Amino acid sequence: MFEPLELPDDWQEALSECIGSPEYKMLLGKIDKEYEVARICPPRNQVFATFKLCPLNSVKAVILGQDPYFNPGQAMGLAFSVNHYCKQFPPSLKNIIKEVRTELGVCTIEDGDLTPWAKQGVLLLNTCLTVREGTPLSHKDIGWDCLINHVLKVLNKKDNIVFVLWGNSAKAYRPLLTNSNNLILTSAHPSPLSANAGFFGCGHFKKINDFLTSRGSKAIIF
């Protein structure tokens, strides 16, 4: 028996327009079928983990990626994160850790589990929340955009949030972010295919904290 796909109450309330739409119900139907016929990442009960670990009112930064890791045992519902017991880090995660070390001198998530970031108010969100094992971008057109659009629209209405868009899939959502009281940072994706084209040296982790502290918020311990 699969666990239900359910958002926490605070997010459900804020996203009620989306959740009640035919598009969202169609998406959940497709996801149900996918879990029945294929191996899907992350495990079903972790699809909405980022929302469970980062309540709406605690969001200080959003890091937007592409889709979950597609190798077995890696994806756990937070963009770019792996379980702390994962022995093989995806290259993108290795590059993120490298950039944090370069900017701040130390990185606190050497085990690859970004849960501490989420608990400090970093919404680690992908543009797709599921993927078929071994097949990147396999759920690109399954309908996740109906949810991601609404999430970003809700957060766009709040002030003093940093939106971090890594890669073209994330940058495509830039037009939704119109609030001048927020900070928007963009760069290449941390994948080895593009990290040298602007991710390395982007300074995003320092810029996030500089912005947050300038607005009276506590810095993130990266």
Protein backbone atom coordinates (compact mmCIF):
# COMPACT_ATOMS: atom_id res chain seq x y z
CA MET A 1 0.00 0.00 0.00
CA PHE A 2 1.44 3.37 -1.04
CA GLU A 3 1.33 6.27 1.37
CA PRO A 4 -0.86 9.16 0.16
CA LEU A 5 0.68 12.18 -1.49
CA GLU A 6 -0.26 14.86 1.01
CA LEU A 7 1.05 18.36 1.61
CA PRO A 8 1.28 19.72 5.18
CA ASP A 9 -1.70 21.79 6.33
CA ASP A 10 -0.02 25.21 6.04
CA TRP A 11 1.00 24.58 2.46
CA GLN A 12 -2.37 23.00 1.62
CA GLU A 13 -4.16 26.13 2.77
CA ALA A 14 -1.90 28.45 0.81
CA LEU A 15 -2.11 26.27 -2.31
CA SER A 16 -5.84 25.49 -2.08
CA GLU A 17 -6.55 26.97 -5.52
CA CYS A 18 -4.02 24.62 -7.08
CA ILE A 19 -4.98 21.58 -5.04
CA GLY A 20 -8.63 21.94 -6.02
CA SER A 21 -7.89 22.25 -9.73
CA PRO A 22 -8.51 19.53 -12.35
CA GLU A 23 -4.86 19.82 -13.41
CA TYR A 24 -3.58 18.91 -9.96
CA LYS A 25 -5.99 16.01 -9.59
CA MET A 26 -4.87 14.76 -12.99
CA LEU A 27 -1.23 15.04 -11.87
CA LEU A 28 -1.88 12.95 -8.76
CA GLY A 29 -3.61 10.32 -10.88
CA LYS A 30 -0.58 10.09 -13.16
CA ILE A 31 1.77 9.85 -10.19
CA ASP A 32 -0.35 7.08 -8.64
CA LYS A 33 -0.09 5.08 -11.84
CA GLU A 34 3.65 5.69 -12.16
CA TYR A 35 4.34 4.28 -8.69
CA GLU A 36 2.31 1.21 -9.61
CA VAL A 37 4.09 0.43 -12.88
CA ALA A 38 7.66 1.68 -12.42
CA ARG A 39 10.41 2.40 -9.91
CA ILE A 40 10.04 6.05 -8.98
CA CYS A 41 12.40 8.35 -7.09
CA PRO A 42 12.09 9.47 -4.34
CA PRO A 43 10.09 6.97 -2.23
CA ARG A 44 6.46 7.94 -2.33
CA ASN A 45 6.31 9.08 1.30
CA GLN A 46 9.17 11.54 0.65
CA VAL A 47 7.79 13.31 -2.44
CA PHE A 48 6.69 16.32 -0.37
CA ALA A 49 9.51 16.14 2.20
CA THR A 50 10.74 19.64 1.40
CA PHE A 51 7.36 21.11 2.40
CA LYS A 52 7.21 19.03 5.57
CA LEU A 53 10.67 20.13 6.71
CA CYS A 54 10.27 23.77 5.70
CA PRO A 55 6.91 25.26 6.79
CA LEU A 56 5.55 28.11 4.69
CA ASN A 57 6.08 30.79 7.33
CA SER A 58 9.70 29.77 7.86
CA VAL A 59 10.85 30.07 4.23
CA LYS A 60 13.81 32.43 3.92
CA ALA A 61 15.36 31.06 0.73
CA VAL A 62 14.31 28.85 -2.15
CA ILE A 63 16.85 26.80 -4.07
CA LEU A 64 15.22 25.60 -7.27
CA GLY A 65 16.72 22.71 -9.20
CA GLN A 66 15.57 20.36 -11.96
CA ASP A 67 14.32 16.90 -10.95
CA PRO A 68 15.25 14.34 -8.27
CA TYR A 69 18.33 12.15 -8.47
CA PHE A 70 17.44 9.12 -10.57
CA ASN A 71 19.89 6.57 -9.16
CA PRO A 72 18.61 4.09 -6.53
CA GLY A 73 18.81 5.22 -2.91
CA GLN A 74 19.74 8.85 -3.54
CA ALA A 75 16.62 11.04 -3.85
CA MET A 76 14.86 11.80 -0.58
CA GLY A 77 12.51 14.67 -1.37
CA LEU A 78 14.88 17.63 -0.96
CA ALA A 79 16.44 19.08 -4.10
CA PHE A 80 20.16 18.24 -4.38
CA SER A 81 20.14 16.26 -1.11
CA VAL A 82 20.84 12.59 -0.39
CA ASN A 83 20.21 10.49 2.71
CA HIS A 84 23.02 10.79 5.25
CA TYR A 85 23.88 7.11 4.79
CA CYS A 86 24.25 7.41 1.01
CA LYS A 87 27.77 6.30 0.07
CA GLN A 88 27.87 7.66 -3.49
CA PHE A 89 27.29 11.41 -3.88
CA PRO A 90 25.89 12.67 -7.20
CA PRO A 91 28.36 15.00 -8.96
CA SER A 92 26.01 17.99 -8.56
CA LEU A 93 26.04 17.60 -4.80
CA LYS A 94 29.83 17.30 -4.75
CA ASN A 95 30.03 20.58 -6.64
CA ILE A 96 27.60 22.30 -4.25
CA ILE A 97 29.71 21.24 -1.26
CA LYS A 98 32.84 22.44 -3.07
CA GLU A 99 31.29 25.86 -3.74
CA VAL A 100 30.12 26.25 -0.13
CA ARG A 101 33.65 25.47 1.08
CA THR A 102 35.13 27.95 -1.40
CA GLU A 103 32.79 30.76 -0.32
CA LEU A 104 32.52 30.16 3.42
CA GLY A 105 35.62 28.12 4.26
CA VAL A 106 33.63 25.23 5.69
CA CYS A 107 30.55 23.18 4.78
CA THR A 108 28.36 21.69 7.51
CA ILE A 109 26.62 19.04 5.39
CA GLU A 110 29.57 16.85 4.43
CA ASP A 111 27.31 13.77 4.68
CA GLY A 112 25.23 15.11 1.77
CA ASP A 113 21.98 15.39 3.76
CA LEU A 114 20.65 18.94 3.36
CA THR A 115 17.93 18.49 5.99
CA PRO A 116 19.64 21.06 8.29
CA TRP A 117 19.31 23.66 5.53
CA ALA A 118 15.59 22.90 5.15
CA LYS A 119 15.04 23.21 8.90
CA GLN A 120 16.63 26.67 8.80
CA GLY A 121 14.18 27.90 6.17
CA VAL A 122 15.67 26.82 2.84
CA LEU A 123 12.99 25.33 0.59
CA LEU A 124 14.93 22.80 -1.52
CA LEU A 125 12.56 22.50 -4.44
CA ASN A 126 12.81 20.82 -7.82
CA THR A 127 10.78 21.79 -10.88
CA CYS A 128 9.67 18.11 -10.96
CA LEU A 129 9.21 16.26 -7.69
CA THR A 130 9.44 12.74 -9.12
CA VAL A 131 11.41 10.84 -11.76
CA ARG A 132 11.61 7.28 -13.08
CA GLU A 133 14.63 5.45 -11.75
CA GLY A 134 17.45 5.61 -14.29
CA THR A 135 15.62 8.06 -16.58
CA PRO A 136 16.35 11.75 -15.97
CA LEU A 137 13.59 14.25 -16.81
CA SER A 138 11.13 11.39 -17.38
CA HIS A 139 8.46 13.32 -15.44
CA LYS A 140 9.27 16.69 -16.99
CA ASP A 141 5.90 16.89 -18.74
CA ILE A 142 3.77 14.96 -16.27
CA GLY A 143 2.21 18.13 -14.83
CA TRP A 144 4.31 19.19 -11.84
CA ASP A 145 4.43 22.74 -13.19
CA CYS A 146 0.86 23.34 -11.97
CA LEU A 147 2.10 22.93 -8.37
CA ILE A 148 5.49 24.63 -8.77
CA ASN A 149 3.85 27.67 -10.41
CA HIS A 150 1.52 28.11 -7.44
CA VAL A 151 4.27 27.58 -4.87
CA LEU A 152 6.38 30.32 -6.42
CA LYS A 153 3.40 32.66 -6.81
CA VAL A 154 2.57 32.24 -3.12
CA LEU A 155 6.17 32.90 -2.07
CA ASN A 156 6.46 35.84 -4.48
CA LYS A 157 3.83 37.64 -2.38
CA LYS A 158 6.08 37.42 0.68
CA ASP A 159 9.01 39.76 1.29
CA ASN A 160 12.69 39.22 2.10
CA ILE A 161 13.05 35.82 0.40
CA VAL A 162 16.04 34.79 -1.72
CA PHE A 163 15.18 32.79 -4.84
CA VAL A 164 18.11 30.78 -6.21
CA LEU A 165 17.61 29.41 -9.72
CA TRP A 166 20.21 26.89 -10.86
CA GLY A 167 20.05 25.75 -14.48
CA ASN A 168 17.68 26.44 -17.35
CA SER A 169 14.76 24.43 -15.92
CA ALA A 170 14.81 26.65 -12.83
CA LYS A 171 15.45 29.88 -14.72
CA ALA A 172 12.30 29.28 -16.77
CA TYR A 173 10.31 30.24 -13.65
CA ARG A 174 12.02 33.63 -13.35
CA PRO A 175 9.03 35.57 -14.83
CA LEU A 176 6.88 34.53 -11.84
CA LEU A 177 9.18 36.32 -9.42
CA THR A 178 8.17 39.97 -9.60
CA ASN A 179 8.46 41.20 -6.00
CA SER A 180 11.26 43.76 -5.79
CA ASN A 181 11.55 43.15 -2.03
CA ASN A 182 13.07 39.74 -2.74
CA LEU A 183 16.46 38.76 -4.15
CA ILE A 184 16.81 36.56 -7.24
CA LEU A 185 20.06 34.75 -7.95
CA THR A 186 20.67 32.72 -11.12
CA SER A 187 23.52 30.59 -12.39
CA ALA A 188 24.37 27.50 -14.36
CA HIS A 189 23.34 24.16 -12.86
CA PRO A 190 25.92 22.56 -10.51
CA SER A 191 26.11 19.52 -12.77
CA PRO A 192 29.64 18.79 -14.09
CA LEU A 193 28.25 19.53 -17.57
CA SER A 194 27.67 23.18 -16.67
CA ALA A 195 29.26 24.01 -13.30
CA ASN A 196 32.26 25.67 -14.92
CA ALA A 197 29.93 27.90 -16.94
CA GLY A 198 28.90 30.02 -13.97
CA PHE A 199 28.05 27.91 -10.96
CA PHE A 200 31.57 27.79 -9.59
CA GLY A 201 32.35 31.25 -8.27
CA CYS A 202 28.69 32.36 -8.25
CA GLY A 203 28.95 33.42 -4.61
CA HIS A 204 25.33 32.48 -3.96
CA PHE A 205 25.71 31.14 -0.45
CA LYS A 206 27.41 34.29 0.78
CA LYS A 207 24.92 36.46 -1.12
CA ILE A 208 21.99 34.61 0.48
CA ASN A 209 23.29 35.34 3.96
CA ASP A 210 24.29 38.91 3.18
CA PHE A 211 20.73 39.60 2.00
CA LEU A 212 19.05 37.83 4.92
CA THR A 213 21.11 39.59 7.57
CA SER A 214 20.58 42.94 5.86
CA ARG A 215 16.83 42.34 6.26
CA GLY A 216 17.10 41.35 9.90
CA SER A 217 16.91 37.58 9.39
CA LYS A 218 19.28 35.00 10.79
CA ALA A 219 21.95 33.73 8.40
CA ILE A 220 21.77 30.14 7.17
CA ILE A 221 24.49 27.83 8.47
CA PHE A 222 25.56 26.17 5.24
